[in-house]
Every structure is written in structure tokens, then in C-alpha cells.
Amino acid sequence: MLKKILLAVVAIVLILVIVVALQPSKFRIARSITISAPPAEVFGQVNDFHEWQEWSPWAKLDPNAKATFEGPGSGVGAVFKWSGNDEVGEGVMTIIESKPSDLIRIRLDFLKPFQDTSEAEFTFKPEGDKTLVTWSMSGENGFVEKAFCLVMNMDKMLGEKFDEGLGNMKTVVERSGDK
């Protein structure tokens, strides 16, 4: 009887390992919003990390998080380091590509609660007197991340934060345009 139970447990673990191993190793999460402002205005909100405190959904999760800035004030080489509570963790963002009013790529190095590296991208497409902004994040999932994604919907979880951040950005940009 014990042998049958042990074999059943081994079979279940083996099936679980196979299911996890077959999950996609690459991920991409993206959300978009249209903002009533020209691309240059919206671009400035992302290209300067100092502006992020106004619209980033993570800034609201821990108002006491420590933030430091290094390198140039904006554009390629600008660095934002944060350290906060369990909800925001600790990490570093570095702008690695910046094409005015068009594209920003950011390297995200997460340090706590887990170590990982991903890439965020913002694109700005003019639509008449408005701008379509797309915020995406992509990266690689290791075995542990693949297993985590079986029980947590990362697209939904992070996508909701992207939607919130883009909505906040829309409010900030459109409010400043009214002045």
C-alpha cells in the first residue's frame, strides 16, 4: 500500500515538473491608452524618472520607499533605484534607449523579493492631436517563474498595474495641458 502511494506521489510530481517545463519561457505584457497631448509631452513623463512619482502605480504602494537617481537627468543612462516595502521590493531601472517622442527602453533589474531582469518599453504613436502610448514588459521565465505563472496570472496582475499607471499618466499630462 505504501509503495502504491509513493508511486502515485512520484507520478504526480513528475507530471507537474513536465507541465511546468512545457510553459513558455518568454513573456510579454502590454497595455495601451490614448492621451490628449502630443507625443513630446507624454514622452517627457517617461524619459525623466523624476516624473514617475506622479503616475507610477508602485509609488503609491509605498510612499516611504527610498528613491535615488543617478546619471543624466533624463534619457539614456538615467538610473532610478528604489527600495521599499514587500509590495514594491528593491531594484534598479536604467534607460537603455531613448528616441524622442517615439520610444523608450528600460532595463529592469529586480533585487528583492527576487532577482530577475526584464525590459520595459514605451512607445508613443501620434493619432491626430493625441498620442497612443503602449507600455510593455518582456523577459524570460525560469523554472520557478513558470511554476508561479501556473497559479498566478501575471498578465492580469501586472496588466492591471500598467492600466493604472497609464491612467494616472493620462490624468497628469492632460491636467498639465489645461494650465
N, C-alpha and C. Protein backbone atom coordinates (compact mmCIF):
# COMPACT_ATOMS: atom_id res chain seq x y z
N MET A 1 0.81 -1.19 0.00
CA MET A 1 0.00 0.00 0.00
C MET A 1 0.87 1.27 0.00
N LEU A 2 1.89 1.29 0.86
CA LEU A 2 2.79 2.44 0.93
C LEU A 2 3.53 2.63 -0.39
N LYS A 3 3.86 1.51 -1.03
CA LYS A 3 4.56 1.57 -2.31
C LYS A 3 3.68 2.22 -3.37
N LYS A 4 2.37 1.90 -3.38
CA LYS A 4 1.44 2.48 -4.33
C LYS A 4 1.28 3.99 -4.10
N ILE A 5 1.22 4.39 -2.85
CA ILE A 5 1.09 5.82 -2.51
C ILE A 5 2.35 6.57 -2.96
N LEU A 6 3.51 5.97 -2.68
CA LEU A 6 4.77 6.59 -3.07
C LEU A 6 4.87 6.72 -4.58
N LEU A 7 4.47 5.69 -5.32
CA LEU A 7 4.48 5.74 -6.79
C LEU A 7 3.52 6.81 -7.31
N ALA A 8 2.36 6.93 -6.68
CA ALA A 8 1.38 7.94 -7.08
C ALA A 8 1.95 9.35 -6.86
N VAL A 9 2.60 9.56 -5.72
CA VAL A 9 3.20 10.87 -5.43
C VAL A 9 4.30 11.18 -6.44
N VAL A 10 5.16 10.22 -6.73
CA VAL A 10 6.24 10.40 -7.71
C VAL A 10 5.64 10.72 -9.08
N ALA A 11 4.58 10.02 -9.47
CA ALA A 11 3.93 10.26 -10.76
C ALA A 11 3.34 11.68 -10.83
N ILE A 12 2.71 12.12 -9.75
CA ILE A 12 2.13 13.47 -9.71
C ILE A 12 3.23 14.52 -9.82
N VAL A 13 4.31 14.34 -9.07
CA VAL A 13 5.43 15.28 -9.11
C VAL A 13 6.03 15.31 -10.51
N LEU A 14 6.20 14.16 -11.12
CA LEU A 14 6.76 14.08 -12.47
C LEU A 14 5.86 14.79 -13.48
N ILE A 15 4.57 14.59 -13.38
CA ILE A 15 3.62 15.26 -14.28
C ILE A 15 3.68 16.77 -14.08
N LEU A 16 3.74 17.20 -12.83
CA LEU A 16 3.83 18.62 -12.52
C LEU A 16 5.11 19.22 -13.10
N VAL A 17 6.22 18.54 -12.95
CA VAL A 17 7.51 19.02 -13.50
C VAL A 17 7.41 19.14 -15.02
N ILE A 18 6.80 18.18 -15.67
CA ILE A 18 6.65 18.23 -17.13
C ILE A 18 5.75 19.40 -17.54
N VAL A 19 4.64 19.57 -16.84
CA VAL A 19 3.72 20.67 -17.15
C VAL A 19 4.44 22.02 -17.00
N VAL A 20 5.19 22.19 -15.91
CA VAL A 20 5.92 23.44 -15.69
C VAL A 20 6.97 23.63 -16.78
N ALA A 21 7.71 22.60 -17.10
CA ALA A 21 8.77 22.69 -18.10
C ALA A 21 8.23 23.05 -19.48
N LEU A 22 6.99 22.69 -19.78
CA LEU A 22 6.40 22.97 -21.09
C LEU A 22 5.81 24.38 -21.20
N GLN A 23 5.80 25.13 -20.11
CA GLN A 23 5.29 26.51 -20.15
C GLN A 23 6.25 27.39 -20.96
N PRO A 24 5.74 28.45 -21.59
CA PRO A 24 6.61 29.33 -22.40
C PRO A 24 7.71 29.96 -21.54
N SER A 25 8.90 30.05 -22.09
CA SER A 25 10.00 30.65 -21.34
C SER A 25 10.03 32.16 -21.51
N LYS A 26 9.43 32.68 -22.56
CA LYS A 26 9.40 34.14 -22.78
C LYS A 26 8.02 34.67 -22.42
N PHE A 27 8.00 35.91 -21.90
CA PHE A 27 6.72 36.54 -21.61
C PHE A 27 6.73 37.97 -22.14
N ARG A 28 5.55 38.49 -22.41
CA ARG A 28 5.37 39.89 -22.79
C ARG A 28 4.00 40.33 -22.31
N ILE A 29 3.97 41.44 -21.60
CA ILE A 29 2.73 42.02 -21.10
C ILE A 29 2.67 43.44 -21.66
N ALA A 30 1.53 43.83 -22.22
CA ALA A 30 1.42 45.16 -22.81
C ALA A 30 0.03 45.75 -22.59
N ARG A 31 -0.01 47.06 -22.38
CA ARG A 31 -1.26 47.80 -22.26
C ARG A 31 -1.08 49.14 -22.96
N SER A 32 -2.19 49.70 -23.45
CA SER A 32 -2.14 50.97 -24.18
C SER A 32 -3.25 51.90 -23.72
N ILE A 33 -3.02 53.19 -23.99
CA ILE A 33 -4.03 54.21 -23.69
C ILE A 33 -3.80 55.38 -24.66
N THR A 34 -4.86 56.10 -24.96
CA THR A 34 -4.75 57.30 -25.79
C THR A 34 -4.82 58.51 -24.87
N ILE A 35 -3.84 59.40 -25.03
CA ILE A 35 -3.74 60.60 -24.20
C ILE A 35 -3.90 61.83 -25.09
N SER A 36 -4.69 62.77 -24.64
CA SER A 36 -4.94 64.01 -25.40
C SER A 36 -3.78 64.98 -25.22
N ALA A 37 -2.68 64.68 -25.89
CA ALA A 37 -1.48 65.52 -25.86
C ALA A 37 -0.55 65.02 -26.97
N PRO A 38 0.34 65.88 -27.43
CA PRO A 38 1.31 65.44 -28.45
C PRO A 38 2.33 64.47 -27.84
N PRO A 39 2.94 63.62 -28.68
CA PRO A 39 3.91 62.64 -28.19
C PRO A 39 5.03 63.24 -27.33
N ALA A 40 5.52 64.42 -27.67
CA ALA A 40 6.63 65.02 -26.91
C ALA A 40 6.26 65.24 -25.45
N GLU A 41 5.02 65.65 -25.17
CA GLU A 41 4.59 65.87 -23.78
C GLU A 41 4.53 64.57 -23.00
N VAL A 42 3.99 63.54 -23.63
CA VAL A 42 3.85 62.25 -22.95
C VAL A 42 5.22 61.61 -22.77
N PHE A 43 6.05 61.71 -23.80
CA PHE A 43 7.41 61.17 -23.78
C PHE A 43 8.18 61.68 -22.55
N GLY A 44 8.03 62.97 -22.24
CA GLY A 44 8.74 63.57 -21.12
C GLY A 44 8.39 62.95 -19.78
N GLN A 45 7.18 62.43 -19.64
CA GLN A 45 6.77 61.78 -18.39
C GLN A 45 7.54 60.49 -18.13
N VAL A 46 7.95 59.84 -19.20
CA VAL A 46 8.63 58.54 -19.07
C VAL A 46 10.15 58.71 -19.12
N ASN A 47 10.62 59.62 -19.94
CA ASN A 47 12.05 59.79 -20.17
C ASN A 47 12.79 60.37 -18.97
N ASP A 48 12.06 60.95 -18.02
CA ASP A 48 12.65 61.52 -16.81
C ASP A 48 12.08 60.78 -15.60
N PHE A 49 12.89 59.95 -14.96
CA PHE A 49 12.42 59.14 -13.82
C PHE A 49 11.86 60.00 -12.68
N HIS A 50 12.29 61.26 -12.57
CA HIS A 50 11.77 62.13 -11.53
C HIS A 50 10.25 62.33 -11.68
N GLU A 51 9.74 62.22 -12.89
CA GLU A 51 8.31 62.41 -13.16
C GLU A 51 7.47 61.20 -12.75
N TRP A 52 8.09 60.04 -12.63
CA TRP A 52 7.35 58.80 -12.38
C TRP A 52 6.58 58.80 -11.06
N GLN A 53 7.05 59.54 -10.07
CA GLN A 53 6.37 59.54 -8.77
C GLN A 53 4.93 60.04 -8.89
N GLU A 54 4.65 60.85 -9.91
CA GLU A 54 3.30 61.38 -10.11
C GLU A 54 2.32 60.35 -10.66
N TRP A 55 2.83 59.38 -11.43
CA TRP A 55 1.89 58.47 -12.11
C TRP A 55 2.15 56.98 -11.89
N SER A 56 3.31 56.61 -11.42
CA SER A 56 3.62 55.18 -11.26
C SER A 56 2.74 54.54 -10.19
N PRO A 57 2.09 53.42 -10.51
CA PRO A 57 1.24 52.77 -9.51
C PRO A 57 2.05 52.22 -8.33
N TRP A 58 3.32 51.93 -8.54
CA TRP A 58 4.15 51.39 -7.47
C TRP A 58 4.55 52.47 -6.47
N ALA A 59 4.62 53.71 -6.90
CA ALA A 59 4.94 54.81 -5.99
C ALA A 59 3.86 54.96 -4.92
N LYS A 60 2.63 54.64 -5.29
CA LYS A 60 1.51 54.78 -4.35
C LYS A 60 1.48 53.63 -3.34
N LEU A 61 2.08 52.49 -3.68
CA LEU A 61 2.07 51.34 -2.78
C LEU A 61 2.94 51.53 -1.55
N ASP A 62 3.99 52.33 -1.69
CA ASP A 62 4.87 52.59 -0.55
C ASP A 62 5.38 54.03 -0.63
N PRO A 63 4.63 54.98 -0.07
CA PRO A 63 5.05 56.38 -0.10
C PRO A 63 6.37 56.61 0.63
N ASN A 64 6.79 55.67 1.48
CA ASN A 64 8.03 55.82 2.25
C ASN A 64 9.22 55.12 1.58
N ALA A 65 9.02 54.59 0.38
CA ALA A 65 10.12 53.92 -0.32
C ALA A 65 11.25 54.92 -0.56
N LYS A 66 12.47 54.42 -0.49
CA LYS A 66 13.64 55.25 -0.77
C LYS A 66 13.90 55.23 -2.26
N ALA A 67 14.08 56.41 -2.85
CA ALA A 67 14.36 56.52 -4.27
C ALA A 67 15.63 57.34 -4.47
N THR A 68 16.51 56.87 -5.34
CA THR A 68 17.70 57.63 -5.69
C THR A 68 17.84 57.66 -7.20
N PHE A 69 18.46 58.72 -7.68
CA PHE A 69 18.64 58.93 -9.12
C PHE A 69 20.12 59.09 -9.40
N GLU A 70 20.56 58.49 -10.51
CA GLU A 70 21.96 58.60 -10.90
C GLU A 70 22.04 58.89 -12.39
N GLY A 71 23.20 59.34 -12.83
CA GLY A 71 23.41 59.59 -14.24
C GLY A 71 22.72 60.87 -14.69
N PRO A 72 22.49 60.99 -16.00
CA PRO A 72 21.84 62.19 -16.50
C PRO A 72 20.41 62.32 -15.97
N GLY A 73 19.87 63.53 -16.02
CA GLY A 73 18.53 63.77 -15.52
C GLY A 73 17.45 63.03 -16.28
N SER A 74 17.71 62.75 -17.56
CA SER A 74 16.76 62.01 -18.38
C SER A 74 17.49 61.36 -19.54
N GLY A 75 16.79 60.48 -20.24
CA GLY A 75 17.36 59.83 -21.42
C GLY A 75 18.31 58.69 -21.09
N VAL A 76 19.03 58.26 -22.12
CA VAL A 76 19.93 57.11 -22.00
C VAL A 76 20.92 57.32 -20.86
N GLY A 77 21.03 56.32 -20.01
CA GLY A 77 21.95 56.36 -18.88
C GLY A 77 21.32 56.82 -17.58
N ALA A 78 20.10 57.38 -17.65
CA ALA A 78 19.41 57.78 -16.42
C ALA A 78 19.08 56.52 -15.62
N VAL A 79 19.30 56.60 -14.30
CA VAL A 79 19.10 55.44 -13.42
C VAL A 79 18.19 55.83 -12.27
N PHE A 80 17.26 54.94 -11.95
CA PHE A 80 16.36 55.10 -10.80
C PHE A 80 16.50 53.85 -9.95
N LYS A 81 16.86 54.03 -8.68
CA LYS A 81 16.97 52.91 -7.74
C LYS A 81 15.90 53.09 -6.68
N TRP A 82 15.27 51.99 -6.30
CA TRP A 82 14.24 52.06 -5.27
C TRP A 82 14.42 50.93 -4.27
N SER A 83 13.95 51.20 -3.06
CA SER A 83 13.95 50.20 -2.00
C SER A 83 12.75 50.51 -1.13
N GLY A 84 11.83 49.54 -1.05
CA GLY A 84 10.60 49.79 -0.31
C GLY A 84 10.10 48.57 0.42
N ASN A 85 8.82 48.60 0.71
CA ASN A 85 8.18 47.50 1.44
C ASN A 85 8.08 46.25 0.56
N ASP A 86 7.42 45.22 1.08
CA ASP A 86 7.30 43.95 0.35
C ASP A 86 6.55 44.08 -0.96
N GLU A 87 5.67 45.07 -1.06
CA GLU A 87 4.88 45.23 -2.30
C GLU A 87 5.70 45.82 -3.44
N VAL A 88 6.68 46.67 -3.13
CA VAL A 88 7.48 47.29 -4.20
C VAL A 88 8.89 46.70 -4.30
N GLY A 89 9.36 46.09 -3.24
CA GLY A 89 10.67 45.44 -3.29
C GLY A 89 11.82 46.41 -3.47
N GLU A 90 12.85 45.91 -4.16
CA GLU A 90 14.05 46.71 -4.39
C GLU A 90 14.55 46.43 -5.79
N GLY A 91 15.05 47.47 -6.45
CA GLY A 91 15.55 47.26 -7.80
C GLY A 91 16.15 48.51 -8.41
N VAL A 92 16.49 48.37 -9.69
CA VAL A 92 17.14 49.44 -10.45
C VAL A 92 16.53 49.48 -11.85
N MET A 93 16.20 50.68 -12.31
CA MET A 93 15.76 50.88 -13.69
C MET A 93 16.78 51.76 -14.39
N THR A 94 17.15 51.39 -15.61
CA THR A 94 18.12 52.17 -16.39
C THR A 94 17.57 52.37 -17.80
N ILE A 95 17.52 53.61 -18.25
CA ILE A 95 17.08 53.86 -19.63
C ILE A 95 18.22 53.45 -20.56
N ILE A 96 17.93 52.50 -21.44
CA ILE A 96 18.96 51.98 -22.36
C ILE A 96 18.75 52.46 -23.79
N GLU A 97 17.59 53.01 -24.10
CA GLU A 97 17.33 53.58 -25.43
C GLU A 97 16.27 54.65 -25.29
N SER A 98 16.48 55.77 -25.96
CA SER A 98 15.54 56.88 -25.89
C SER A 98 15.52 57.60 -27.23
N LYS A 99 14.41 57.45 -27.95
CA LYS A 99 14.22 58.13 -29.23
C LYS A 99 13.09 59.14 -29.02
N PRO A 100 13.42 60.43 -28.98
CA PRO A 100 12.44 61.46 -28.64
C PRO A 100 11.09 61.29 -29.34
N SER A 101 10.05 61.34 -28.50
CA SER A 101 8.65 61.27 -28.93
C SER A 101 8.27 59.97 -29.62
N ASP A 102 9.13 58.94 -29.53
CA ASP A 102 8.90 57.70 -30.26
C ASP A 102 9.00 56.45 -29.38
N LEU A 103 10.13 56.27 -28.67
CA LEU A 103 10.42 55.01 -28.00
C LEU A 103 11.34 55.21 -26.80
N ILE A 104 11.06 54.48 -25.73
CA ILE A 104 11.96 54.41 -24.57
C ILE A 104 12.05 52.94 -24.16
N ARG A 105 13.29 52.44 -23.99
CA ARG A 105 13.51 51.09 -23.48
C ARG A 105 14.24 51.20 -22.14
N ILE A 106 13.79 50.38 -21.21
CA ILE A 106 14.33 50.43 -19.84
C ILE A 106 14.71 49.02 -19.40
N ARG A 107 15.91 48.90 -18.87
CA ARG A 107 16.33 47.63 -18.25
C ARG A 107 15.87 47.67 -16.80
N LEU A 108 15.15 46.61 -16.40
CA LEU A 108 14.65 46.49 -15.03
C LEU A 108 15.43 45.38 -14.34
N ASP A 109 16.14 45.73 -13.30
CA ASP A 109 16.86 44.74 -12.50
C ASP A 109 16.19 44.67 -11.14
N PHE A 110 15.44 43.60 -10.92
CA PHE A 110 14.77 43.39 -9.64
C PHE A 110 15.75 42.70 -8.69
N LEU A 111 15.85 43.20 -7.47
CA LEU A 111 16.77 42.63 -6.49
C LEU A 111 16.05 41.90 -5.36
N LYS A 112 14.92 42.49 -4.90
CA LYS A 112 14.11 41.88 -3.84
C LYS A 112 12.65 42.07 -4.20
N PRO A 113 11.78 41.19 -3.93
CA PRO A 113 11.91 39.98 -3.15
C PRO A 113 12.56 38.82 -3.92
N PHE A 114 12.84 39.03 -5.20
CA PHE A 114 13.50 38.01 -6.02
C PHE A 114 14.41 38.72 -7.00
N GLN A 115 15.39 38.02 -7.51
CA GLN A 115 16.28 38.60 -8.51
C GLN A 115 15.81 38.20 -9.90
N ASP A 116 15.72 39.20 -10.76
CA ASP A 116 15.29 38.96 -12.14
C ASP A 116 15.62 40.20 -12.96
N THR A 117 15.72 40.02 -14.25
CA THR A 117 15.94 41.13 -15.17
C THR A 117 14.91 41.04 -16.28
N SER A 118 14.28 42.18 -16.57
CA SER A 118 13.30 42.28 -17.63
C SER A 118 13.55 43.57 -18.39
N GLU A 119 12.79 43.78 -19.45
CA GLU A 119 12.89 45.01 -20.21
C GLU A 119 11.51 45.62 -20.36
N ALA A 120 11.41 46.91 -20.07
CA ALA A 120 10.16 47.64 -20.29
C ALA A 120 10.34 48.50 -21.53
N GLU A 121 9.24 48.72 -22.22
CA GLU A 121 9.29 49.54 -23.42
C GLU A 121 8.05 50.43 -23.46
N PHE A 122 8.26 51.68 -23.80
CA PHE A 122 7.16 52.62 -24.01
C PHE A 122 7.25 53.11 -25.44
N THR A 123 6.12 53.05 -26.15
CA THR A 123 6.07 53.62 -27.49
C THR A 123 5.02 54.72 -27.51
N PHE A 124 5.24 55.71 -28.39
CA PHE A 124 4.38 56.89 -28.47
C PHE A 124 4.02 57.10 -29.94
N LYS A 125 2.77 56.83 -30.29
CA LYS A 125 2.32 56.94 -31.68
C LYS A 125 1.32 58.08 -31.81
N PRO A 126 1.63 59.08 -32.65
CA PRO A 126 0.69 60.19 -32.82
C PRO A 126 -0.60 59.72 -33.49
N GLU A 127 -1.71 60.23 -32.99
CA GLU A 127 -3.03 59.97 -33.58
C GLU A 127 -3.76 61.31 -33.62
N GLY A 128 -3.47 62.09 -34.66
CA GLY A 128 -4.02 63.43 -34.73
C GLY A 128 -3.39 64.28 -33.65
N ASP A 129 -4.22 64.88 -32.77
CA ASP A 129 -3.70 65.70 -31.68
C ASP A 129 -3.56 64.89 -30.39
N LYS A 130 -3.61 63.58 -30.51
CA LYS A 130 -3.49 62.68 -29.35
C LYS A 130 -2.29 61.75 -29.55
N THR A 131 -2.00 60.98 -28.50
CA THR A 131 -0.89 60.03 -28.56
C THR A 131 -1.34 58.68 -28.01
N LEU A 132 -1.08 57.63 -28.78
CA LEU A 132 -1.31 56.27 -28.30
C LEU A 132 -0.03 55.82 -27.61
N VAL A 133 -0.12 55.59 -26.30
CA VAL A 133 1.03 55.16 -25.51
C VAL A 133 0.87 53.68 -25.20
N THR A 134 1.91 52.90 -25.48
CA THR A 134 1.91 51.48 -25.14
C THR A 134 3.06 51.22 -24.18
N TRP A 135 2.72 50.58 -23.07
CA TRP A 135 3.70 50.21 -22.04
C TRP A 135 3.77 48.69 -22.04
N SER A 136 4.95 48.15 -22.28
CA SER A 136 5.10 46.70 -22.27
C SER A 136 6.30 46.29 -21.43
N MET A 137 6.28 45.03 -21.02
CA MET A 137 7.40 44.44 -20.31
C MET A 137 7.60 43.04 -20.85
N SER A 138 8.84 42.68 -21.07
CA SER A 138 9.14 41.34 -21.58
C SER A 138 10.37 40.80 -20.88
N GLY A 139 10.49 39.48 -20.93
CA GLY A 139 11.63 38.84 -20.30
C GLY A 139 11.55 37.33 -20.43
N GLU A 140 12.38 36.67 -19.66
CA GLU A 140 12.48 35.21 -19.67
C GLU A 140 11.98 34.65 -18.34
N ASN A 141 11.28 33.54 -18.41
CA ASN A 141 10.84 32.83 -17.21
C ASN A 141 11.69 31.59 -17.01
N GLY A 142 12.29 31.48 -15.83
CA GLY A 142 12.97 30.25 -15.46
C GLY A 142 11.95 29.26 -14.93
N PHE A 143 12.41 28.13 -14.44
CA PHE A 143 11.51 27.08 -13.96
C PHE A 143 10.61 27.57 -12.84
N VAL A 144 11.17 28.29 -11.86
CA VAL A 144 10.38 28.78 -10.73
C VAL A 144 9.31 29.76 -11.20
N GLU A 145 9.69 30.68 -12.10
CA GLU A 145 8.73 31.65 -12.63
C GLU A 145 7.63 30.96 -13.43
N LYS A 146 7.99 29.92 -14.18
CA LYS A 146 6.98 29.16 -14.93
C LYS A 146 5.98 28.51 -13.97
N ALA A 147 6.49 27.95 -12.88
CA ALA A 147 5.60 27.32 -11.89
C ALA A 147 4.70 28.38 -11.25
N PHE A 148 5.26 29.54 -10.93
CA PHE A 148 4.49 30.62 -10.34
C PHE A 148 3.35 31.05 -11.28
N CYS A 149 3.65 31.10 -12.57
CA CYS A 149 2.65 31.53 -13.55
C CYS A 149 1.51 30.52 -13.72
N LEU A 150 1.70 29.30 -13.25
CA LEU A 150 0.61 28.32 -13.28
C LEU A 150 -0.49 28.68 -12.29
N VAL A 151 -0.11 29.35 -11.20
CA VAL A 151 -1.10 29.69 -10.17
C VAL A 151 -1.44 31.18 -10.14
N MET A 152 -0.59 32.02 -10.73
CA MET A 152 -0.83 33.47 -10.77
C MET A 152 -0.86 33.93 -12.22
N ASN A 153 -1.86 34.71 -12.57
CA ASN A 153 -1.95 35.25 -13.92
C ASN A 153 -1.15 36.56 -13.97
N MET A 154 0.10 36.46 -14.41
CA MET A 154 0.98 37.62 -14.43
C MET A 154 0.47 38.70 -15.38
N ASP A 155 -0.11 38.30 -16.52
CA ASP A 155 -0.63 39.29 -17.45
C ASP A 155 -1.72 40.12 -16.79
N LYS A 156 -2.59 39.47 -16.05
CA LYS A 156 -3.68 40.18 -15.37
C LYS A 156 -3.13 41.03 -14.23
N MET A 157 -2.25 40.46 -13.43
CA MET A 157 -1.72 41.15 -12.26
C MET A 157 -0.90 42.38 -12.66
N LEU A 158 0.08 42.21 -13.53
CA LEU A 158 0.89 43.35 -13.96
C LEU A 158 0.12 44.25 -14.91
N GLY A 159 -0.72 43.65 -15.76
CA GLY A 159 -1.52 44.43 -16.69
C GLY A 159 -2.40 45.44 -15.97
N GLU A 160 -2.97 45.05 -14.84
CA GLU A 160 -3.79 45.98 -14.06
C GLU A 160 -2.95 47.15 -13.56
N LYS A 161 -1.71 46.90 -13.17
CA LYS A 161 -0.82 47.98 -12.72
C LYS A 161 -0.45 48.88 -13.90
N PHE A 162 -0.21 48.30 -15.07
CA PHE A 162 0.09 49.10 -16.26
C PHE A 162 -1.11 49.98 -16.61
N ASP A 163 -2.31 49.41 -16.56
CA ASP A 163 -3.53 50.20 -16.84
C ASP A 163 -3.66 51.35 -15.86
N GLU A 164 -3.41 51.07 -14.58
CA GLU A 164 -3.49 52.10 -13.55
C GLU A 164 -2.46 53.20 -13.81
N GLY A 165 -1.22 52.80 -14.09
CA GLY A 165 -0.16 53.78 -14.35
C GLY A 165 -0.44 54.63 -15.57
N LEU A 166 -0.91 54.00 -16.64
CA LEU A 166 -1.24 54.74 -17.86
C LEU A 166 -2.40 55.71 -17.61
N GLY A 167 -3.38 55.27 -16.83
CA GLY A 167 -4.49 56.15 -16.47
C GLY A 167 -4.02 57.34 -15.66
N ASN A 168 -3.11 57.08 -14.70
CA ASN A 168 -2.53 58.17 -13.91
C ASN A 168 -1.74 59.14 -14.80
N MET A 169 -0.97 58.58 -15.73
CA MET A 169 -0.18 59.40 -16.64
C MET A 169 -1.10 60.29 -17.48
N LYS A 170 -2.19 59.71 -17.97
CA LYS A 170 -3.17 60.46 -18.77
C LYS A 170 -3.69 61.65 -17.97
N THR A 171 -4.04 61.42 -16.70
CA THR A 171 -4.55 62.48 -15.84
C THR A 171 -3.50 63.57 -15.66
N VAL A 172 -2.25 63.19 -15.37
CA VAL A 172 -1.17 64.15 -15.15
C VAL A 172 -0.91 64.98 -16.40
N VAL A 173 -0.78 64.32 -17.54
CA VAL A 173 -0.46 65.02 -18.79
C VAL A 173 -1.61 65.93 -19.23
N GLU A 174 -2.82 65.40 -19.19
CA GLU A 174 -3.96 66.21 -19.64
C GLU A 174 -4.24 67.37 -18.69
N ARG A 175 -3.99 67.17 -17.40
CA ARG A 175 -4.17 68.25 -16.42
C ARG A 175 -3.14 69.35 -16.66
N SER A 176 -1.89 68.96 -16.96
CA SER A 176 -0.85 69.98 -17.20
C SER A 176 -1.10 70.71 -18.51
N GLY A 177 -1.75 70.05 -19.47
CA GLY A 177 -2.10 70.70 -20.74
C GLY A 177 -3.21 71.71 -20.61
N ASP A 178 -4.00 71.60 -19.53
CA ASP A 178 -5.11 72.52 -19.30
C ASP A 178 -4.64 73.84 -18.68
N LYS A 179 -3.41 73.86 -18.19
CA LYS A 179 -2.90 75.06 -17.49
C LYS A 179 -2.56 76.15 -18.46
